[in-house]
Protein backbone atom coordinates (compact mmCIF):
# COMPACT_ATOMS: atom_id res chain seq x y z
CA UNK A 1 257.50 83.32 -20.00
CA UNK A 2 255.07 84.40 -17.24
CA UNK A 3 251.48 83.48 -18.02
CA UNK A 4 250.40 87.00 -17.07
CA UNK A 5 251.98 88.48 -20.14
CA UNK A 6 251.37 92.05 -21.05
CA UNK A 7 251.50 93.34 -24.57
CA UNK A 8 253.31 96.48 -25.46
CA UNK A 9 252.07 97.82 -28.75
CA UNK A 10 254.62 100.18 -30.07
CA UNK A 11 253.90 102.70 -32.79
CA UNK A 12 257.51 103.58 -33.76
CA UNK A 13 257.88 107.26 -34.40
CA UNK A 14 261.14 108.32 -35.59
CA UNK A 15 265.11 103.85 -36.34
CA UNK A 16 268.58 102.50 -38.54
CA UNK A 17 266.43 109.90 -35.63
CA UNK A 18 267.08 102.47 -36.42
CA UNK A 19 265.36 108.99 -31.66
CA UNK A 20 266.03 104.93 -32.39
CA UNK A 21 267.37 101.27 -36.05
CA UNK A 22 267.87 109.02 -36.12
CA UNK A 23 268.82 101.54 -39.32
CA UNK A 24 271.51 103.80 -36.39
CA UNK A 25 273.93 106.57 -31.43
CA UNK A 26 274.90 109.33 -33.69
CA UNK A 27 278.59 109.45 -34.36
CA UNK A 28 280.24 111.84 -36.79
CA UNK A 29 279.29 110.16 -40.04
CA UNK A 30 281.52 109.66 -43.06
CA UNK A 31 280.38 111.47 -46.17
CA UNK A 32 278.94 109.98 -49.35
CA UNK A 33 279.67 110.46 -53.06
CA UNK A 34 277.05 112.06 -55.30
CA UNK A 35 275.23 109.90 -57.85
CA UNK A 36 274.18 106.28 -58.22
CA UNK A 37 276.29 103.19 -57.60
CA UNK A 38 278.50 102.68 -60.68
CA UNK A 39 277.64 98.97 -60.92
CA UNK A 40 281.23 97.74 -60.83
CA UNK A 41 283.48 96.37 -58.11
CA UNK A 42 283.41 93.33 -55.89
CA UNK A 43 282.66 95.20 -52.66
CA UNK A 44 279.19 96.29 -51.52
CA UNK A 45 277.92 99.61 -52.84
CA UNK A 46 275.46 101.39 -50.54
CA UNK A 47 273.04 103.85 -52.16
CA UNK A 48 270.35 106.18 -50.84
CA UNK A 49 267.95 108.72 -52.34
CA UNK A 50 266.95 111.71 -50.20
CA UNK A 51 264.92 114.71 -51.38
CA UNK A 52 265.41 113.60 -54.99
CA UNK A 53 269.20 113.46 -54.62
CA UNK A 54 271.14 110.19 -55.01
CA UNK A 55 274.23 109.32 -52.97
CA UNK A 56 276.46 106.26 -52.62
CA UNK A 57 279.62 104.96 -51.06
CA UNK A 58 281.11 102.70 -53.64
CA UNK A 59 281.84 99.07 -54.29
CA UNK A 60 285.58 99.38 -54.92
CA UNK A 61 286.54 99.24 -51.26
CA UNK A 62 286.64 102.96 -50.44
CA UNK A 63 284.75 104.10 -47.32
CA UNK A 64 285.36 100.64 -45.83
CA UNK A 65 285.12 100.10 -42.08
CA UNK A 66 283.54 103.53 -41.49
CA UNK A 67 280.04 104.05 -40.11
CA UNK A 68 277.78 106.05 -42.44
CA UNK A 69 274.69 107.96 -41.40
CA UNK A 70 272.78 110.28 -43.73
CA UNK A 71 274.88 112.35 -46.17
CA UNK A 72 276.13 115.66 -44.76
CA UNK A 73 274.53 117.45 -47.72
CA UNK A 74 271.14 116.29 -46.40
CA UNK A 75 271.85 117.38 -42.82
CA UNK A 76 273.64 114.24 -41.63
CA UNK A 77 272.39 112.33 -38.60
CA UNK A 78 271.18 108.75 -38.43
CA UNK A 79 268.73 106.93 -40.67
CA UNK A 80 265.31 106.62 -39.03
CA UNK A 81 262.76 103.80 -39.30
CA UNK A 82 259.15 103.95 -38.04
CA UNK A 83 256.25 101.54 -37.89
CA UNK A 84 252.81 100.94 -36.39
CA UNK A 85 251.52 98.18 -34.13
CA UNK A 86 254.81 96.68 -33.07
CA UNK A 87 253.91 94.13 -30.39
CA UNK A 88 256.12 93.50 -27.39
CA UNK A 89 254.83 90.71 -25.18
CA UNK A 90 256.47 91.10 -21.82
CA UNK A 91 255.22 92.36 -18.47
CA UNK A 92 253.28 95.53 -19.33
CA UNK A 93 250.36 96.47 -21.54
CA UNK A 94 251.14 99.73 -23.32
CA UNK A 95 250.43 101.40 -26.65
CA UNK A 96 253.30 103.69 -27.53
CA UNK A 97 255.13 105.49 -30.31
CA UNK A 98 258.79 104.49 -30.81
CA UNK A 99 261.68 105.72 -32.95
CA UNK A 100 264.84 103.80 -33.93
CA UNK A 101 267.96 105.40 -35.43
CA UNK A 102 271.17 103.99 -36.84
CA UNK A 103 274.03 103.79 -39.31
CA UNK A 104 275.61 101.27 -41.68
CA UNK A 105 279.07 100.25 -42.79
CA UNK A 106 280.80 97.73 -45.03
CA UNK A 107 284.03 96.03 -44.01
CA UNK A 108 286.26 93.03 -44.77
CA UNK A 109 286.53 90.28 -42.19
CA UNK A 110 289.72 88.44 -41.21
CA UNK A 111 289.29 86.18 -44.28
CA UNK A 112 288.95 89.12 -46.66
CA UNK A 113 285.22 88.59 -47.18
CA UNK A 114 282.89 91.60 -47.27
CA UNK A 115 280.29 92.02 -44.54
CA UNK A 116 277.56 94.53 -43.71
CA UNK A 117 277.36 96.07 -40.24
CA UNK A 118 274.36 97.86 -38.78
CA UNK A 119 274.53 99.95 -35.63
CA UNK A 120 271.36 101.03 -33.77
CA UNK A 121 272.01 104.08 -31.64
CA UNK A 122 268.79 105.08 -29.91
CA UNK A 123 265.16 104.24 -29.25
CA UNK A 124 262.48 106.70 -28.13
CA UNK A 125 259.03 105.79 -26.84
CA UNK A 126 256.24 108.33 -26.37
CA UNK A 127 252.44 108.75 -26.33
CA UNK A 128 250.11 106.28 -24.67
CA UNK A 129 249.70 105.41 -21.01
CA UNK A 130 253.00 104.91 -19.16
CA UNK A 131 255.06 105.08 -22.37
CA UNK A 132 257.24 107.77 -20.84
CA UNK A 133 258.15 105.32 -18.09
CA UNK A 134 259.72 102.86 -20.57
CA UNK A 135 263.49 103.14 -20.86
CA UNK A 136 265.27 101.37 -23.72
CA UNK A 137 269.05 101.10 -23.43
CA UNK A 138 272.13 99.01 -24.17
CA UNK A 139 273.18 101.13 -27.16
CA UNK A 140 274.75 100.82 -29.51
CA UNK A 141 273.10 97.61 -30.67
CA UNK A 142 274.93 95.72 -33.41
CA UNK A 143 273.88 93.30 -36.12
CA UNK A 144 275.35 89.79 -36.01
CA UNK A 145 275.55 86.91 -38.47
CA UNK A 146 272.84 84.50 -37.23
CA UNK A 147 274.84 81.46 -38.40
CA UNK A 148 277.61 82.11 -35.85
CA UNK A 149 277.39 79.64 -32.97
CA UNK A 150 277.17 81.51 -29.69
CA UNK A 151 275.18 84.62 -30.45
CA UNK A 152 276.82 86.80 -27.77
CA UNK A 153 278.60 89.18 -27.60
CA UNK A 154 277.26 91.91 -29.88
CA UNK A 155 280.07 94.29 -30.77
CA UNK A 156 281.72 96.38 -33.47
CA UNK A 157 283.58 93.42 -34.98
CA UNK A 158 283.55 92.84 -38.73
CA UNK A 159 284.00 89.07 -38.32
CA UNK A 160 280.57 88.93 -36.68
CA UNK A 161 278.63 91.15 -39.11
CA UNK A 162 276.22 89.95 -41.82
CA UNK A 163 277.86 88.38 -44.91
CA UNK A 164 277.49 90.42 -48.11
CA UNK A 165 275.67 88.70 -50.97
CA UNK A 166 275.46 90.64 -54.28
CA UNK A 167 272.35 88.65 -55.24
CA UNK A 168 270.48 89.10 -51.95
CA UNK A 169 267.07 90.77 -51.93
CA UNK A 170 267.11 91.01 -48.13
CA UNK A 171 269.50 90.53 -45.22
CA UNK A 172 268.80 88.84 -41.87
CA UNK A 173 270.68 89.19 -38.61
CA UNK A 174 270.40 89.08 -34.85
CA UNK A 175 270.58 92.34 -32.86
CA UNK A 176 271.71 93.18 -29.34
CA UNK A 177 272.38 93.87 -26.55
CA UNK A 178 268.85 95.12 -25.82
CA UNK A 179 267.76 96.31 -22.37
CA UNK A 180 264.25 97.52 -21.45
CA UNK A 181 263.01 98.81 -18.10
CA UNK A 182 259.61 100.10 -16.95
CA UNK A 183 258.79 101.95 -13.75
CA UNK A 184 262.29 101.18 -12.53
CA UNK A 185 261.96 97.43 -13.06
CA UNK A 186 264.11 95.60 -15.62
CA UNK A 187 262.06 93.70 -18.22
CA UNK A 188 264.95 92.81 -20.53
CA UNK A 189 268.64 93.06 -19.61
CA UNK A 190 271.35 92.69 -22.26
CA UNK A 191 269.32 90.32 -24.45
CA UNK A 192 269.01 90.00 -28.22
CA UNK A 193 266.41 89.50 -30.92
CA UNK A 194 266.72 86.87 -33.65
CA UNK A 195 266.20 87.11 -37.41
CA UNK A 196 265.67 90.82 -37.96
CA UNK A 197 265.15 91.15 -41.73
CA UNK A 198 266.21 94.26 -43.66
CA UNK A 199 264.62 94.65 -47.10
CA UNK A 200 266.34 97.39 -49.14
CA UNK A 201 264.84 99.53 -51.88
CA UNK A 202 262.20 102.27 -52.03
CA UNK A 203 260.55 102.39 -48.62
CA UNK A 204 263.25 100.12 -47.16
CA UNK A 205 262.00 98.31 -44.09
CA UNK A 206 263.02 96.21 -41.11
CA UNK A 207 260.79 93.35 -39.93
CA UNK A 208 261.01 91.07 -36.91
CA UNK A 209 258.93 88.39 -35.17
CA UNK A 210 261.02 86.84 -32.44
CA UNK A 211 261.41 86.14 -28.77
CA UNK A 212 264.17 87.98 -26.94
CA UNK A 213 266.98 85.72 -25.73
CA UNK A 214 269.72 85.97 -23.14
CA UNK A 215 273.23 84.71 -23.89
CA UNK A 216 272.21 81.20 -22.83
CA UNK A 217 269.40 81.34 -25.43
CA UNK A 218 266.70 81.33 -22.76
CA UNK A 219 263.53 83.03 -24.03
CA UNK A 220 262.01 86.07 -22.43
CA UNK A 221 259.79 88.74 -23.97
CA UNK A 222 258.89 88.75 -27.68
CA UNK A 223 258.59 91.37 -30.41
CA UNK A 224 256.70 91.47 -33.70
CA UNK A 225 256.52 94.36 -36.17
CA UNK A 226 257.68 96.22 -39.26
CA UNK A 227 259.53 99.56 -39.40
CA UNK A 228 259.87 101.65 -42.57
CA UNK A 229 262.53 104.26 -43.34
CA UNK A 230 261.20 107.80 -42.89
CA UNK A 231 264.06 110.18 -43.67
CA UNK A 232 265.12 108.74 -47.03
CA UNK A 233 263.10 107.74 -50.10
CA UNK A 234 265.16 104.61 -50.67
CA UNK A 235 268.10 102.70 -49.24
CA UNK A 236 269.85 99.98 -51.26
CA UNK A 237 272.74 97.55 -50.95
CA UNK A 238 274.17 96.63 -54.37
């Protein structure tokens, strides 16, 4: 990395409105069932609480292989994660606000095992000097199982998503392809970030502290920060 590194401090505004994780590009989202996860079934059960209302798509295999944003009853759209003081060490020195938006799905891979997919659909930067000149692209970004040798490509492929673990308290994955440009100059082009950790529950959050890598695993810029869900009270994977 160039010795004249600049730090971009990003105050995420609105991820998974994942603006970027609306945790995920906003496609027509599948609907949810009303109530809490029933606690039975071998498949993942995804649950969220919004405005005091509880919704889930269940663990019996229904809703499989379909991207889910917020429930239609709550206005739909993507889930949004925000955070303060997200550091990007690259080639500029900016203090910005950023928003990530995204969606989630469960699916069975070619071996019949359940996996969790996350799709990040947009990122918006604002406020601060030159923040409007930063362009983040490459969407949608997808989660990928970090144990798979050869991290690229990042695509909507269940075999590459994060393995489901009913006992997990958090999930980790790589995300890409990420592209960032400033003042017309490319800072990051089709790269990915390692070991993004999603911690479900009340105030679900996404944390990361990683260099950005190209497909040859050469290091480039780096990012460090935590984003918390802003348009849901909780988000759980049971």
